[in-house]
Amino acid sequence: MALEAIETIRRAEQAADQLEKDAAAESDRIIQEARQRAEELFENLTAESRRKAEEILNAAGKQADRIISDEMLQAEYETKILKETAAHKEKEAVQIILSELY
């Protein structure tokens, strides 16, 4: 009877040891899987952030191009007006000079 009890205890201890080993292995597997998922998530988020940053930069570049184009058109318009005004003033100046001479 004592031998049976000792054998039962041994088997229980072995089963407990095996459960402990299995739990440690499962824990390691879960930790490894969590690390892998974290790496994948980090890589995905990094790629997504880069993609969004590129989109923002492209949009900013297009907006800058539009602003430059608008400013160039405005500058051309103002230059045209100044030339027209200068031509008109030149004619007036010529007429004033001619009227003073004659």
N, C-alpha and C. Protein backbone atom coordinates (compact mmCIF):
# COMPACT_ATOMS: atom_id res chain seq x y z
N MET A 1 0.82 -1.18 0.00
CA MET A 1 0.00 0.00 0.00
C MET A 1 0.87 1.25 0.00
N ALA A 2 1.90 1.25 0.79
CA ALA A 2 2.81 2.39 0.86
C ALA A 2 3.51 2.57 -0.47
N LEU A 3 3.87 1.42 -1.12
CA LEU A 3 4.52 1.52 -2.43
C LEU A 3 3.57 2.12 -3.47
N GLU A 4 2.32 1.72 -3.38
CA GLU A 4 1.33 2.28 -4.30
C GLU A 4 1.18 3.78 -4.09
N ALA A 5 1.16 4.20 -2.86
CA ALA A 5 1.04 5.62 -2.54
C ALA A 5 2.25 6.39 -3.05
N ILE A 6 3.44 5.78 -2.84
CA ILE A 6 4.68 6.42 -3.31
C ILE A 6 4.65 6.51 -4.83
N GLU A 7 4.23 5.43 -5.49
CA GLU A 7 4.16 5.42 -6.96
C GLU A 7 3.14 6.44 -7.46
N THR A 8 2.03 6.56 -6.79
CA THR A 8 1.01 7.54 -7.16
C THR A 8 1.56 8.96 -7.02
N ILE A 9 2.28 9.18 -5.93
CA ILE A 9 2.88 10.49 -5.69
C ILE A 9 3.91 10.79 -6.78
N ARG A 10 4.75 9.77 -7.12
CA ARG A 10 5.75 9.96 -8.17
C ARG A 10 5.10 10.31 -9.50
N ARG A 11 4.06 9.57 -9.83
CA ARG A 11 3.36 9.86 -11.08
C ARG A 11 2.76 11.27 -11.06
N ALA A 12 2.21 11.65 -9.94
CA ALA A 12 1.64 12.99 -9.80
C ALA A 12 2.73 14.05 -9.96
N GLU A 13 3.90 13.78 -9.35
CA GLU A 13 5.02 14.72 -9.47
C GLU A 13 5.50 14.80 -10.92
N GLN A 14 5.58 13.62 -11.58
CA GLN A 14 6.00 13.61 -12.98
C GLN A 14 4.99 14.36 -13.86
N ALA A 15 3.72 14.13 -13.57
CA ALA A 15 2.67 14.82 -14.33
C ALA A 15 2.76 16.33 -14.08
N ALA A 16 3.02 16.71 -12.84
CA ALA A 16 3.16 18.13 -12.51
C ALA A 16 4.38 18.72 -13.21
N ASP A 17 5.50 17.97 -13.20
CA ASP A 17 6.70 18.43 -13.90
C ASP A 17 6.42 18.61 -15.40
N GLN A 18 5.72 17.63 -15.98
CA GLN A 18 5.40 17.71 -17.40
C GLN A 18 4.48 18.90 -17.68
N LEU A 19 3.50 19.11 -16.81
CA LEU A 19 2.62 20.27 -16.97
C LEU A 19 3.39 21.58 -16.89
N GLU A 20 4.35 21.61 -15.97
CA GLU A 20 5.18 22.80 -15.81
C GLU A 20 6.01 23.04 -17.08
N LYS A 21 6.60 21.95 -17.62
CA LYS A 21 7.39 22.07 -18.85
C LYS A 21 6.50 22.50 -20.01
N ASP A 22 5.32 21.89 -20.11
CA ASP A 22 4.38 22.24 -21.18
C ASP A 22 3.95 23.71 -21.05
N ALA A 23 3.69 24.14 -19.83
CA ALA A 23 3.28 25.53 -19.60
C ALA A 23 4.41 26.50 -19.98
N ALA A 24 5.64 26.14 -19.63
CA ALA A 24 6.79 26.98 -19.98
C ALA A 24 6.95 27.05 -21.49
N ALA A 25 6.81 25.90 -22.17
CA ALA A 25 6.92 25.87 -23.62
C ALA A 25 5.81 26.70 -24.26
N GLU A 26 4.60 26.55 -23.75
CA GLU A 26 3.46 27.31 -24.27
C GLU A 26 3.67 28.80 -24.03
N SER A 27 4.18 29.13 -22.87
CA SER A 27 4.48 30.53 -22.55
C SER A 27 5.51 31.10 -23.52
N ASP A 28 6.57 30.34 -23.78
CA ASP A 28 7.59 30.78 -24.74
C ASP A 28 7.00 30.96 -26.14
N ARG A 29 6.13 30.02 -26.54
CA ARG A 29 5.49 30.10 -27.85
C ARG A 29 4.61 31.36 -27.94
N ILE A 30 3.85 31.62 -26.89
CA ILE A 30 2.97 32.79 -26.87
C ILE A 30 3.78 34.08 -26.93
N ILE A 31 4.88 34.11 -26.15
CA ILE A 31 5.74 35.29 -26.15
C ILE A 31 6.35 35.50 -27.53
N GLN A 32 6.83 34.43 -28.14
CA GLN A 32 7.43 34.53 -29.49
C GLN A 32 6.39 35.01 -30.50
N GLU A 33 5.20 34.47 -30.41
CA GLU A 33 4.12 34.88 -31.32
C GLU A 33 3.77 36.35 -31.11
N ALA A 34 3.73 36.78 -29.85
CA ALA A 34 3.44 38.19 -29.55
C ALA A 34 4.54 39.10 -30.11
N ARG A 35 5.79 38.68 -29.97
CA ARG A 35 6.90 39.47 -30.52
C ARG A 35 6.78 39.58 -32.04
N GLN A 36 6.47 38.45 -32.66
CA GLN A 36 6.33 38.44 -34.12
C GLN A 36 5.19 39.36 -34.57
N ARG A 37 4.06 39.27 -33.87
CA ARG A 37 2.93 40.14 -34.21
C ARG A 37 3.29 41.61 -33.99
N ALA A 38 4.01 41.88 -32.91
CA ALA A 38 4.42 43.26 -32.63
C ALA A 38 5.34 43.77 -33.74
N GLU A 39 6.27 42.94 -34.20
CA GLU A 39 7.16 43.33 -35.30
C GLU A 39 6.36 43.61 -36.57
N GLU A 40 5.43 42.71 -36.88
CA GLU A 40 4.61 42.89 -38.08
C GLU A 40 3.78 44.17 -37.98
N LEU A 41 3.20 44.40 -36.80
CA LEU A 41 2.40 45.60 -36.60
C LEU A 41 3.26 46.85 -36.75
N PHE A 42 4.46 46.81 -36.16
CA PHE A 42 5.39 47.94 -36.26
C PHE A 42 5.74 48.20 -37.72
N GLU A 43 6.07 47.14 -38.46
CA GLU A 43 6.42 47.28 -39.87
C GLU A 43 5.25 47.83 -40.68
N ASN A 44 4.05 47.32 -40.41
CA ASN A 44 2.86 47.80 -41.12
C ASN A 44 2.59 49.27 -40.81
N LEU A 45 2.68 49.63 -39.53
CA LEU A 45 2.44 51.02 -39.15
C LEU A 45 3.51 51.94 -39.73
N THR A 46 4.75 51.48 -39.74
CA THR A 46 5.83 52.28 -40.32
C THR A 46 5.60 52.48 -41.81
N ALA A 47 5.25 51.42 -42.50
CA ALA A 47 4.98 51.52 -43.95
C ALA A 47 3.80 52.45 -44.21
N GLU A 48 2.76 52.33 -43.41
CA GLU A 48 1.58 53.18 -43.57
C GLU A 48 1.94 54.64 -43.30
N SER A 49 2.75 54.87 -42.27
CA SER A 49 3.18 56.25 -41.96
C SER A 49 4.01 56.83 -43.10
N ARG A 50 4.89 56.03 -43.66
CA ARG A 50 5.69 56.50 -44.80
C ARG A 50 4.80 56.82 -45.99
N ARG A 51 3.83 55.96 -46.25
CA ARG A 51 2.92 56.18 -47.38
C ARG A 51 2.14 57.48 -47.18
N LYS A 52 1.63 57.68 -45.96
CA LYS A 52 0.87 58.90 -45.68
C LYS A 52 1.77 60.13 -45.79
N ALA A 53 3.01 60.01 -45.30
CA ALA A 53 3.95 61.14 -45.39
C ALA A 53 4.23 61.48 -46.85
N GLU A 54 4.39 60.46 -47.69
CA GLU A 54 4.61 60.70 -49.12
C GLU A 54 3.40 61.37 -49.75
N GLU A 55 2.20 60.94 -49.36
CA GLU A 55 0.99 61.57 -49.89
C GLU A 55 0.93 63.04 -49.49
N ILE A 56 1.27 63.31 -48.22
CA ILE A 56 1.25 64.69 -47.74
C ILE A 56 2.28 65.54 -48.48
N LEU A 57 3.48 64.98 -48.66
CA LEU A 57 4.52 65.71 -49.39
C LEU A 57 4.11 65.96 -50.84
N ASN A 58 3.52 64.95 -51.47
CA ASN A 58 3.06 65.13 -52.86
C ASN A 58 1.98 66.20 -52.94
N ALA A 59 1.04 66.16 -52.00
CA ALA A 59 -0.03 67.16 -51.99
C ALA A 59 0.55 68.55 -51.75
N ALA A 60 1.50 68.64 -50.83
CA ALA A 60 2.14 69.94 -50.55
C ALA A 60 2.89 70.44 -51.78
N GLY A 61 3.57 69.54 -52.48
CA GLY A 61 4.28 69.92 -53.70
C GLY A 61 3.32 70.43 -54.76
N LYS A 62 2.19 69.74 -54.93
CA LYS A 62 1.19 70.18 -55.91
C LYS A 62 0.62 71.54 -55.52
N GLN A 63 0.36 71.70 -54.23
CA GLN A 63 -0.18 72.98 -53.76
C GLN A 63 0.85 74.10 -53.98
N ALA A 64 2.11 73.80 -53.71
CA ALA A 64 3.17 74.79 -53.94
C ALA A 64 3.26 75.14 -55.42
N ASP A 65 3.15 74.15 -56.28
CA ASP A 65 3.17 74.40 -57.73
C ASP A 65 2.00 75.30 -58.15
N ARG A 66 0.81 75.03 -57.58
CA ARG A 66 -0.35 75.87 -57.90
C ARG A 66 -0.15 77.30 -57.42
N ILE A 67 0.39 77.44 -56.22
CA ILE A 67 0.64 78.78 -55.67
C ILE A 67 1.65 79.53 -56.54
N ILE A 68 2.72 78.84 -56.91
CA ILE A 68 3.74 79.47 -57.76
C ILE A 68 3.14 79.86 -59.10
N SER A 69 2.34 78.98 -59.68
CA SER A 69 1.70 79.27 -60.96
C SER A 69 0.78 80.49 -60.83
N ASP A 70 -0.02 80.52 -59.77
CA ASP A 70 -0.92 81.66 -59.54
C ASP A 70 -0.13 82.96 -59.37
N GLU A 71 0.95 82.88 -58.60
CA GLU A 71 1.78 84.07 -58.37
C GLU A 71 2.45 84.53 -59.67
N MET A 72 2.87 83.58 -60.49
CA MET A 72 3.48 83.94 -61.78
C MET A 72 2.45 84.64 -62.67
N LEU A 73 1.22 84.11 -62.70
CA LEU A 73 0.17 84.75 -63.49
C LEU A 73 -0.10 86.16 -62.98
N GLN A 74 -0.15 86.30 -61.66
CA GLN A 74 -0.38 87.62 -61.07
C GLN A 74 0.77 88.57 -61.42
N ALA A 75 2.00 88.08 -61.34
CA ALA A 75 3.17 88.90 -61.67
C ALA A 75 3.14 89.31 -63.14
N GLU A 76 2.77 88.37 -64.02
CA GLU A 76 2.67 88.68 -65.44
C GLU A 76 1.60 89.75 -65.69
N TYR A 77 0.47 89.60 -65.01
CA TYR A 77 -0.61 90.58 -65.15
C TYR A 77 -0.15 91.96 -64.68
N GLU A 78 0.49 92.00 -63.51
CA GLU A 78 0.96 93.28 -62.98
C GLU A 78 2.03 93.89 -63.88
N THR A 79 2.89 93.05 -64.44
CA THR A 79 3.91 93.54 -65.37
C THR A 79 3.26 94.15 -66.61
N LYS A 80 2.24 93.48 -67.12
CA LYS A 80 1.51 93.99 -68.29
C LYS A 80 0.89 95.34 -67.97
N ILE A 81 0.25 95.44 -66.81
CA ILE A 81 -0.38 96.71 -66.40
C ILE A 81 0.67 97.80 -66.27
N LEU A 82 1.81 97.47 -65.65
CA LEU A 82 2.88 98.47 -65.50
C LEU A 82 3.40 98.93 -66.86
N LYS A 83 3.57 97.99 -67.80
CA LYS A 83 4.04 98.35 -69.13
C LYS A 83 3.04 99.26 -69.84
N GLU A 84 1.76 98.90 -69.71
CA GLU A 84 0.71 99.73 -70.33
C GLU A 84 0.70 101.12 -69.71
N THR A 85 0.81 101.17 -68.39
CA THR A 85 0.84 102.46 -67.70
C THR A 85 2.06 103.27 -68.11
N ALA A 86 3.21 102.59 -68.19
CA ALA A 86 4.44 103.27 -68.60
C ALA A 86 4.32 103.79 -70.03
N ALA A 87 3.73 103.01 -70.92
CA ALA A 87 3.55 103.44 -72.31
C ALA A 87 2.63 104.65 -72.36
N HIS A 88 1.56 104.61 -71.57
CA HIS A 88 0.61 105.73 -71.53
C HIS A 88 1.31 106.98 -70.98
N LYS A 89 2.07 106.81 -69.90
CA LYS A 89 2.79 107.95 -69.30
C LYS A 89 3.83 108.49 -70.28
N GLU A 90 4.45 107.59 -71.04
CA GLU A 90 5.45 108.02 -72.02
C GLU A 90 4.79 108.90 -73.09
N LYS A 91 3.62 108.46 -73.56
CA LYS A 91 2.89 109.26 -74.55
C LYS A 91 2.52 110.62 -73.98
N GLU A 92 2.06 110.63 -72.73
CA GLU A 92 1.71 111.89 -72.08
C GLU A 92 2.94 112.79 -71.97
N ALA A 93 4.07 112.17 -71.58
CA ALA A 93 5.31 112.95 -71.44
C ALA A 93 5.73 113.53 -72.79
N VAL A 94 5.62 112.75 -73.85
CA VAL A 94 5.99 113.22 -75.18
C VAL A 94 5.08 114.38 -75.58
N GLN A 95 3.79 114.24 -75.31
CA GLN A 95 2.84 115.31 -75.66
C GLN A 95 3.13 116.58 -74.86
N ILE A 96 3.46 116.43 -73.58
CA ILE A 96 3.78 117.59 -72.76
C ILE A 96 5.03 118.28 -73.30
N ILE A 97 6.04 117.48 -73.62
CA ILE A 97 7.30 118.04 -74.15
C ILE A 97 7.04 118.74 -75.48
N LEU A 98 6.27 118.09 -76.35
CA LEU A 98 5.97 118.69 -77.65
C LEU A 98 5.16 119.97 -77.49
N SER A 99 4.21 119.96 -76.56
CA SER A 99 3.40 121.16 -76.35
C SER A 99 4.23 122.30 -75.78
N GLU A 100 5.24 121.98 -75.01
CA GLU A 100 6.13 123.00 -74.45
C GLU A 100 7.05 123.55 -75.54
N LEU A 101 7.42 122.72 -76.48
CA LEU A 101 8.32 123.15 -77.55
C LEU A 101 7.60 123.99 -78.59
N TYR A 102 6.39 123.74 -78.86
CA TYR A 102 5.67 124.43 -79.93
C TYR A 102 4.67 125.36 -79.36
